[in-house]
Amino acid sequence: MKTSELRTLPVEELQHRLRDLIEELSNLRIQKATRQLVNASRVRLVRKEIARHKTLLREHELGITKTKMKS
């Protein structure tokens, strides 16, 4: 998902997606340790997505961007 699309999501949705990505990264690391990982490049992509989500959440926290709050 593009950053511009992520900016349209509510903060709660970004936080939920971030938790899912962190869990996925954990699972990928376990697969790597047990030599069951099929797509090694997925680890890098998930790490980048985590960074993107954290950046958007921090921007919202600082008031740099306006993301939707769930009413």
PDB file of N, CA and C in Angstrom:
ATOM      1  N   MET A   1       0.837  -1.167   0.000  1.00  0.00           N
ATOM      2  CA  MET A   1       0.000   0.000   0.000  1.00  0.00           C
ATOM      3  C   MET A   1       0.893   1.246   0.000  1.00  0.00           C
ATOM      4  N   LYS A   2       0.538   2.218  -0.818  1.00  0.00           N
ATOM      5  CA  LYS A   2       1.327   3.429  -0.924  1.00  0.00           C
ATOM      6  C   LYS A   2       1.157   4.297   0.318  1.00  0.00           C
ATOM      7  N   THR A   3       2.140   5.144   0.565  1.00  0.00           N
ATOM      8  CA  THR A   3       2.109   6.029   1.719  1.00  0.00           C
ATOM      9  C   THR A   3       0.920   6.971   1.651  1.00  0.00           C
ATOM     10  N   SER A   4       0.612   7.468   0.468  1.00  0.00           N
ATOM     11  CA  SER A   4      -0.531   8.374   0.324  1.00  0.00           C
ATOM     12  C   SER A   4      -1.834   7.669   0.691  1.00  0.00           C
ATOM     13  N   GLU A   5      -1.935   6.390   0.394  1.00  0.00           N
ATOM     14  CA  GLU A   5      -3.122   5.621   0.760  1.00  0.00           C
ATOM     15  C   GLU A   5      -3.159   5.379   2.264  1.00  0.00           C
ATOM     16  N   LEU A   6      -1.998   5.155   2.865  1.00  0.00           N
ATOM     17  CA  LEU A   6      -1.937   4.927   4.303  1.00  0.00           C
ATOM     18  C   LEU A   6      -2.336   6.179   5.080  1.00  0.00           C
ATOM     19  N   ARG A   7      -2.024   7.353   4.525  1.00  0.00           N
ATOM     20  CA  ARG A   7      -2.365   8.608   5.211  1.00  0.00           C
ATOM     21  C   ARG A   7      -3.870   8.810   5.329  1.00  0.00           C
ATOM     22  N   THR A   8      -4.650   8.154   4.489  1.00  0.00           N
ATOM     23  CA  THR A   8      -6.097   8.313   4.536  1.00  0.00           C
ATOM     24  C   THR A   8      -6.733   7.421   5.603  1.00  0.00           C
ATOM     25  N   LEU A   9      -5.961   6.497   6.159  1.00  0.00           N
ATOM     26  CA  LEU A   9      -6.494   5.575   7.159  1.00  0.00           C
ATOM     27  C   LEU A   9      -6.546   6.228   8.535  1.00  0.00           C
ATOM     28  N   PRO A  10      -7.503   5.814   9.373  1.00  0.00           N
ATOM     29  CA  PRO A  10      -7.542   6.316  10.746  1.00  0.00           C
ATOM     30  C   PRO A  10      -6.336   5.799  11.548  1.00  0.00           C
ATOM     31  N   VAL A  11      -5.999   6.500  12.607  1.00  0.00           N
ATOM     32  CA  VAL A  11      -4.851   6.147  13.443  1.00  0.00           C
ATOM     33  C   VAL A  11      -4.999   4.735  14.004  1.00  0.00           C
ATOM     34  N   GLU A  12      -6.202   4.386  14.427  1.00  0.00           N
ATOM     35  CA  GLU A  12      -6.430   3.052  14.998  1.00  0.00           C
ATOM     36  C   GLU A  12      -6.116   1.956  13.998  1.00  0.00           C
ATOM     37  N   GLU A  13      -6.467   2.193  12.738  1.00  0.00           N
ATOM     38  CA  GLU A  13      -6.184   1.207  11.683  1.00  0.00           C
ATOM     39  C   GLU A  13      -4.680   1.081  11.458  1.00  0.00           C
ATOM     40  N   LEU A  14      -3.964   2.210  11.472  1.00  0.00           N
ATOM     41  CA  LEU A  14      -2.506   2.167  11.322  1.00  0.00           C
ATOM     42  C   LEU A  14      -1.871   1.379  12.464  1.00  0.00           C
ATOM     43  N   GLN A  15      -2.348   1.590  13.683  1.00  0.00           N
ATOM     44  CA  GLN A  15      -1.809   0.873  14.833  1.00  0.00           C
ATOM     45  C   GLN A  15      -2.091  -0.616  14.725  1.00  0.00           C
ATOM     46  N   HIS A  16      -3.272  -0.960  14.271  1.00  0.00           N
ATOM     47  CA  HIS A  16      -3.629  -2.373  14.101  1.00  0.00           C
ATOM     48  C   HIS A  16      -2.748  -3.028  13.039  1.00  0.00           C
ATOM     49  N   ARG A  17      -2.548  -2.339  11.917  1.00  0.00           N
ATOM     50  CA  ARG A  17      -1.695  -2.870  10.861  1.00  0.00           C
ATOM     51  C   ARG A  17      -0.246  -3.006  11.328  1.00  0.00           C
ATOM     52  N   LEU A  18       0.204  -2.050  12.151  1.00  0.00           N
ATOM     53  CA  LEU A  18       1.561  -2.112  12.684  1.00  0.00           C
ATOM     54  C   LEU A  18       1.740  -3.351  13.555  1.00  0.00           C
ATOM     55  N   ARG A  19       0.776  -3.629  14.417  1.00  0.00           N
ATOM     56  CA  ARG A  19       0.845  -4.838  15.255  1.00  0.00           C
ATOM     57  C   ARG A  19       0.901  -6.098  14.394  1.00  0.00           C
ATOM     58  N   ASP A  20       0.099  -6.126  13.333  1.00  0.00           N
ATOM     59  CA  ASP A  20       0.102  -7.283  12.429  1.00  0.00           C
ATOM     60  C   ASP A  20       1.456  -7.451  11.740  1.00  0.00           C
ATOM     61  N   LEU A  21       2.047  -6.339  11.315  1.00  0.00           N
ATOM     62  CA  LEU A  21       3.352  -6.402  10.649  1.00  0.00           C
ATOM     63  C   LEU A  21       4.451  -6.872  11.602  1.00  0.00           C
ATOM     64  N   ILE A  22       4.409  -6.406  12.836  1.00  0.00           N
ATOM     65  CA  ILE A  22       5.406  -6.838  13.824  1.00  0.00           C
ATOM     66  C   ILE A  22       5.266  -8.332  14.084  1.00  0.00           C
ATOM     67  N   GLU A  23       4.039  -8.809  14.148  1.00  0.00           N
ATOM     68  CA  GLU A  23       3.811 -10.243  14.342  1.00  0.00           C
ATOM     69  C   GLU A  23       4.302 -11.040  13.130  1.00  0.00           C
ATOM     70  N   GLU A  24       4.059 -10.520  11.938  1.00  0.00           N
ATOM     71  CA  GLU A  24       4.525 -11.196  10.730  1.00  0.00           C
ATOM     72  C   GLU A  24       6.052 -11.259  10.690  1.00  0.00           C
ATOM     73  N   LEU A  25       6.711 -10.169  11.079  1.00  0.00           N
ATOM     74  CA  LEU A  25       8.168 -10.152  11.113  1.00  0.00           C
ATOM     75  C   LEU A  25       8.698 -11.190  12.099  1.00  0.00           C
ATOM     76  N   SER A  26       8.046 -11.304  13.227  1.00  0.00           N
ATOM     77  CA  SER A  26       8.445 -12.300  14.215  1.00  0.00           C
ATOM     78  C   SER A  26       8.336 -13.712  13.632  1.00  0.00           C
ATOM     79  N   ASN A  27       7.240 -13.965  12.956  1.00  0.00           N
ATOM     80  CA  ASN A  27       7.043 -15.281  12.334  1.00  0.00           C
ATOM     81  C   ASN A  27       8.087 -15.551  11.245  1.00  0.00           C
ATOM     82  N   LEU A  28       8.409 -14.518  10.470  1.00  0.00           N
ATOM     83  CA  LEU A  28       9.425 -14.687   9.426  1.00  0.00           C
ATOM     84  C   LEU A  28      10.792 -14.992  10.035  1.00  0.00           C
ATOM     85  N   ARG A  29      11.112 -14.350  11.140  1.00  0.00           N
ATOM     86  CA  ARG A  29      12.390 -14.604  11.803  1.00  0.00           C
ATOM     87  C   ARG A  29      12.455 -16.027  12.352  1.00  0.00           C
ATOM     88  N   ILE A  30      11.338 -16.515  12.859  1.00  0.00           N
ATOM     89  CA  ILE A  30      11.290 -17.895  13.342  1.00  0.00           C
ATOM     90  C   ILE A  30      11.489 -18.859  12.176  1.00  0.00           C
ATOM     91  N   GLN A  31      10.817 -18.573  11.052  1.00  0.00           N
ATOM     92  CA  GLN A  31      10.968 -19.416   9.869  1.00  0.00           C
ATOM     93  C   GLN A  31      12.407 -19.404   9.374  1.00  0.00           C
ATOM     94  N   LYS A  32      13.046 -18.247   9.435  1.00  0.00           N
ATOM     95  CA  LYS A  32      14.438 -18.147   8.996  1.00  0.00           C
ATOM     96  C   LYS A  32      15.342 -18.980   9.892  1.00  0.00           C
ATOM     97  N   ALA A  33      15.101 -18.931  11.196  1.00  0.00           N
ATOM     98  CA  ALA A  33      15.931 -19.677  12.145  1.00  0.00           C
ATOM     99  C   ALA A  33      15.773 -21.183  11.969  1.00  0.00           C
ATOM    100  N   THR A  34      14.579 -21.606  11.587  1.00  0.00           N
ATOM    101  CA  THR A  34      14.328 -23.039  11.407  1.00  0.00           C
ATOM    102  C   THR A  34      14.506 -23.477   9.953  1.00  0.00           C
ATOM    103  N   ARG A  35      15.032 -22.556   9.139  1.00  0.00           N
ATOM    104  CA  ARG A  35      15.311 -22.811   7.721  1.00  0.00           C
ATOM    105  C   ARG A  35      14.066 -23.220   6.930  1.00  0.00           C
ATOM    106  N   GLN A  36      12.929 -22.614   7.260  1.00  0.00           N
ATOM    107  CA  GLN A  36      11.681 -22.862   6.541  1.00  0.00           C
ATOM    108  C   GLN A  36      11.259 -21.659   5.710  1.00  0.00           C
ATOM    109  N   LEU A  37      12.049 -20.598   5.747  1.00  0.00           N
ATOM    110  CA  LEU A  37      11.698 -19.369   5.049  1.00  0.00           C
ATOM    111  C   LEU A  37      11.875 -19.555   3.545  1.00  0.00           C
ATOM    112  N   VAL A  38      10.806 -19.315   2.804  1.00  0.00           N
ATOM    113  CA  VAL A  38      10.827 -19.500   1.356  1.00  0.00           C
ATOM    114  C   VAL A  38      11.269 -18.213   0.660  1.00  0.00           C
ATOM    115  N   ASN A  39      10.715 -17.081   1.076  1.00  0.00           N
ATOM    116  CA  ASN A  39      10.991 -15.801   0.425  1.00  0.00           C
ATOM    117  C   ASN A  39      11.756 -14.902   1.386  1.00  0.00           C
ATOM    118  N   ALA A  40      13.062 -14.913   1.303  1.00  0.00           N
ATOM    119  CA  ALA A  40      13.903 -14.164   2.235  1.00  0.00           C
ATOM    120  C   ALA A  40      13.748 -12.655   2.062  1.00  0.00           C
ATOM    121  N   SER A  41      13.391 -12.201   0.885  1.00  0.00           N
ATOM    122  CA  SER A  41      13.233 -10.762   0.662  1.00  0.00           C
ATOM    123  C   SER A  41      12.005 -10.199   1.373  1.00  0.00           C
ATOM    124  N   ARG A  42      11.098 -11.055   1.781  1.00  0.00           N
ATOM    125  CA  ARG A  42       9.892 -10.607   2.493  1.00  0.00           C
ATOM    126  C   ARG A  42      10.259  -9.947   3.824  1.00  0.00           C
ATOM    127  N   VAL A  43      11.331 -10.403   4.466  1.00  0.00           N
ATOM    128  CA  VAL A  43      11.770  -9.834   5.743  1.00  0.00           C
ATOM    129  C   VAL A  43      12.081  -8.352   5.559  1.00  0.00           C
ATOM    130  N   ARG A  44      12.807  -8.039   4.518  1.00  0.00           N
ATOM    131  CA  ARG A  44      13.177  -6.640   4.249  1.00  0.00           C
ATOM    132  C   ARG A  44      11.951  -5.789   3.953  1.00  0.00           C
ATOM    133  N   LEU A  45      11.021  -6.323   3.172  1.00  0.00           N
ATOM    134  CA  LEU A  45       9.814  -5.581   2.840  1.00  0.00           C
ATOM    135  C   LEU A  45       8.962  -5.300   4.074  1.00  0.00           C
ATOM    136  N   VAL A  46       8.850  -6.274   4.952  1.00  0.00           N
ATOM    137  CA  VAL A  46       8.057  -6.096   6.167  1.00  0.00           C
ATOM    138  C   VAL A  46       8.715  -5.063   7.074  1.00  0.00           C
ATOM    139  N   ARG A  47      10.041  -5.091   7.176  1.00  0.00           N
ATOM    140  CA  ARG A  47      10.741  -4.096   7.992  1.00  0.00           C
ATOM    141  C   ARG A  47      10.505  -2.685   7.457  1.00  0.00           C
ATOM    142  N   LYS A  48      10.489  -2.524   6.145  1.00  0.00           N
ATOM    143  CA  LYS A  48      10.231  -1.222   5.540  1.00  0.00           C
ATOM    144  C   LYS A  48       8.797  -0.763   5.802  1.00  0.00           C
ATOM    145  N   GLU A  49       7.860  -1.689   5.734  1.00  0.00           N
ATOM    146  CA  GLU A  49       6.462  -1.358   6.016  1.00  0.00           C
ATOM    147  C   GLU A  49       6.285  -0.930   7.474  1.00  0.00           C
ATOM    148  N   ILE A  50       6.975  -1.616   8.385  1.00  0.00           N
ATOM    149  CA  ILE A  50       6.922  -1.242   9.800  1.00  0.00           C
ATOM    150  C   ILE A  50       7.443   0.185   9.973  1.00  0.00           C
ATOM    151  N   ALA A  51       8.542   0.491   9.341  1.00  0.00           N
ATOM    152  CA  ALA A  51       9.119   1.837   9.437  1.00  0.00           C
ATOM    153  C   ALA A  51       8.159   2.871   8.865  1.00  0.00           C
ATOM    154  N   ARG A  52       7.521   2.553   7.760  1.00  0.00           N
ATOM    155  CA  ARG A  52       6.569   3.478   7.139  1.00  0.00           C
ATOM    156  C   ARG A  52       5.395   3.756   8.081  1.00  0.00           C
ATOM    157  N   HIS A  53       4.867   2.717   8.699  1.00  0.00           N
ATOM    158  CA  HIS A  53       3.743   2.882   9.621  1.00  0.00           C
ATOM    159  C   HIS A  53       4.161   3.691  10.850  1.00  0.00           C
ATOM    160  N   LYS A  54       5.331   3.383  11.398  1.00  0.00           N
ATOM    161  CA  LYS A  54       5.799   4.128  12.563  1.00  0.00           C
ATOM    162  C   LYS A  54       6.014   5.595  12.235  1.00  0.00           C
ATOM    163  N   THR A  55       6.507   5.885  11.046  1.00  0.00           N
ATOM    164  CA  THR A  55       6.718   7.267  10.625  1.00  0.00           C
ATOM    165  C   THR A  55       5.392   8.019  10.535  1.00  0.00           C
ATOM    166  N   LEU A  56       4.394   7.394   9.939  1.00  0.00           N
ATOM    167  CA  LEU A  56       3.088   8.043   9.819  1.00  0.00           C
ATOM    168  C   LEU A  56       2.451   8.277  11.185  1.00  0.00           C
ATOM    169  N   LEU A  57       2.593   7.318  12.076  1.00  0.00           N
ATOM    170  CA  LEU A  57       2.048   7.494  13.421  1.00  0.00           C
ATOM    171  C   LEU A  57       2.765   8.618  14.163  1.00  0.00           C
ATOM    172  N   ARG A  58       4.063   8.713  13.996  1.00  0.00           N
ATOM    173  CA  ARG A  58       4.831   9.778  14.641  1.00  0.00           C
ATOM    174  C   ARG A  58       4.476  11.140  14.046  1.00  0.00           C
ATOM    175  N   GLU A  59       4.280  11.200  12.730  1.00  0.00           N
ATOM    176  CA  GLU A  59       3.864  12.447  12.105  1.00  0.00           C
ATOM    177  C   GLU A  59       2.537  12.916  12.673  1.00  0.00           C
ATOM    178  N   HIS A  60       1.622  11.976  12.863  1.00  0.00           N
ATOM    179  CA  HIS A  60       0.333  12.329  13.447  1.00  0.00           C
ATOM    180  C   HIS A  60       0.507  12.830  14.877  1.00  0.00           C
ATOM    181  N   GLU A  61       1.356  12.153  15.636  1.00  0.00           N
ATOM    182  CA  GLU A  61       1.611  12.529  17.021  1.00  0.00           C
ATOM    183  C   GLU A  61       2.166  13.954  17.116  1.00  0.00           C
ATOM    184  N   LEU A  62       3.024  14.317  16.190  1.00  0.00           N
ATOM    185  CA  LEU A  62       3.629  15.650  16.179  1.00  0.00           C
ATOM    186  C   LEU A  62       2.733  16.695  15.505  1.00  0.00           C
ATOM    187  N   GLY A  63       1.662  16.238  14.875  1.00  0.00           N
ATOM    188  CA  GLY A  63       0.763  17.165  14.207  1.00  0.00           C
ATOM    189  C   GLY A  63       1.240  17.595  12.845  1.00  0.00           C
ATOM    190  N   ILE A  64       2.159  16.860  12.267  1.00  0.00           N
ATOM    191  CA  ILE A  64       2.692  17.203  10.953  1.00  0.00           C
ATOM    192  C   ILE A  64       1.664  16.902   9.866  1.00  0.00           C
ATOM    193  N   THR A  65       0.964  15.778  10.000  1.00  0.00           N
ATOM    194  CA  THR A  65      -0.052  15.420   9.037  1.00  0.00           C
ATOM    195  C   THR A  65      -1.363  15.195   9.764  1.00  0.00           C
ATOM    196  N   LYS A  66      -2.410  15.282   9.038  1.00  0.00           N
ATOM    197  CA  LYS A  66      -3.733  15.068   9.614  1.00  0.00           C
ATOM    198  C   LYS A  66      -4.236  13.700   9.158  1.00  0.00           C
ATOM    199  N   THR A  67      -4.313  12.759  10.090  1.00  0.00           N
ATOM    200  CA  THR A  67      -4.945  11.480   9.793  1.00  0.00           C
ATOM    201  C   THR A  67      -6.270  11.438  10.510  1.00  0.00           C
ATOM    202  N   LYS A  68      -7.163  10.660  10.007  1.00  0.00           N
ATOM    203  CA  LYS A  68      -8.508  10.605  10.564  1.00  0.00           C
ATOM    204  C   LYS A  68      -8.521   9.927  11.924  1.00  0.00           C
ATOM    205  N   MET A  69      -9.297  10.508  12.822  1.00  0.00           N
ATOM    206  CA  MET A  69      -9.526   9.887  14.131  1.00  0.00           C
ATOM    207  C   MET A  69     -10.892   9.217  14.070  1.00  0.00           C
ATOM    208  N   LYS A  70     -10.996   8.045  14.631  1.00  0.00           N
ATOM    209  CA  LYS A  70     -12.260   7.331  14.648  1.00  0.00           C
ATOM    210  C   LYS A  70     -13.202   8.015  15.640  1.00  0.00           C
ATOM    211  N   SER A  71     -14.393   8.347  15.180  1.00  0.00           N
ATOM    212  CA  SER A  71     -15.353   9.053  16.043  1.00  0.00           C
ATOM    213  C   SER A  71     -16.230   8.110  16.806  1.00  0.00           C
TER     214      SER A  71
END
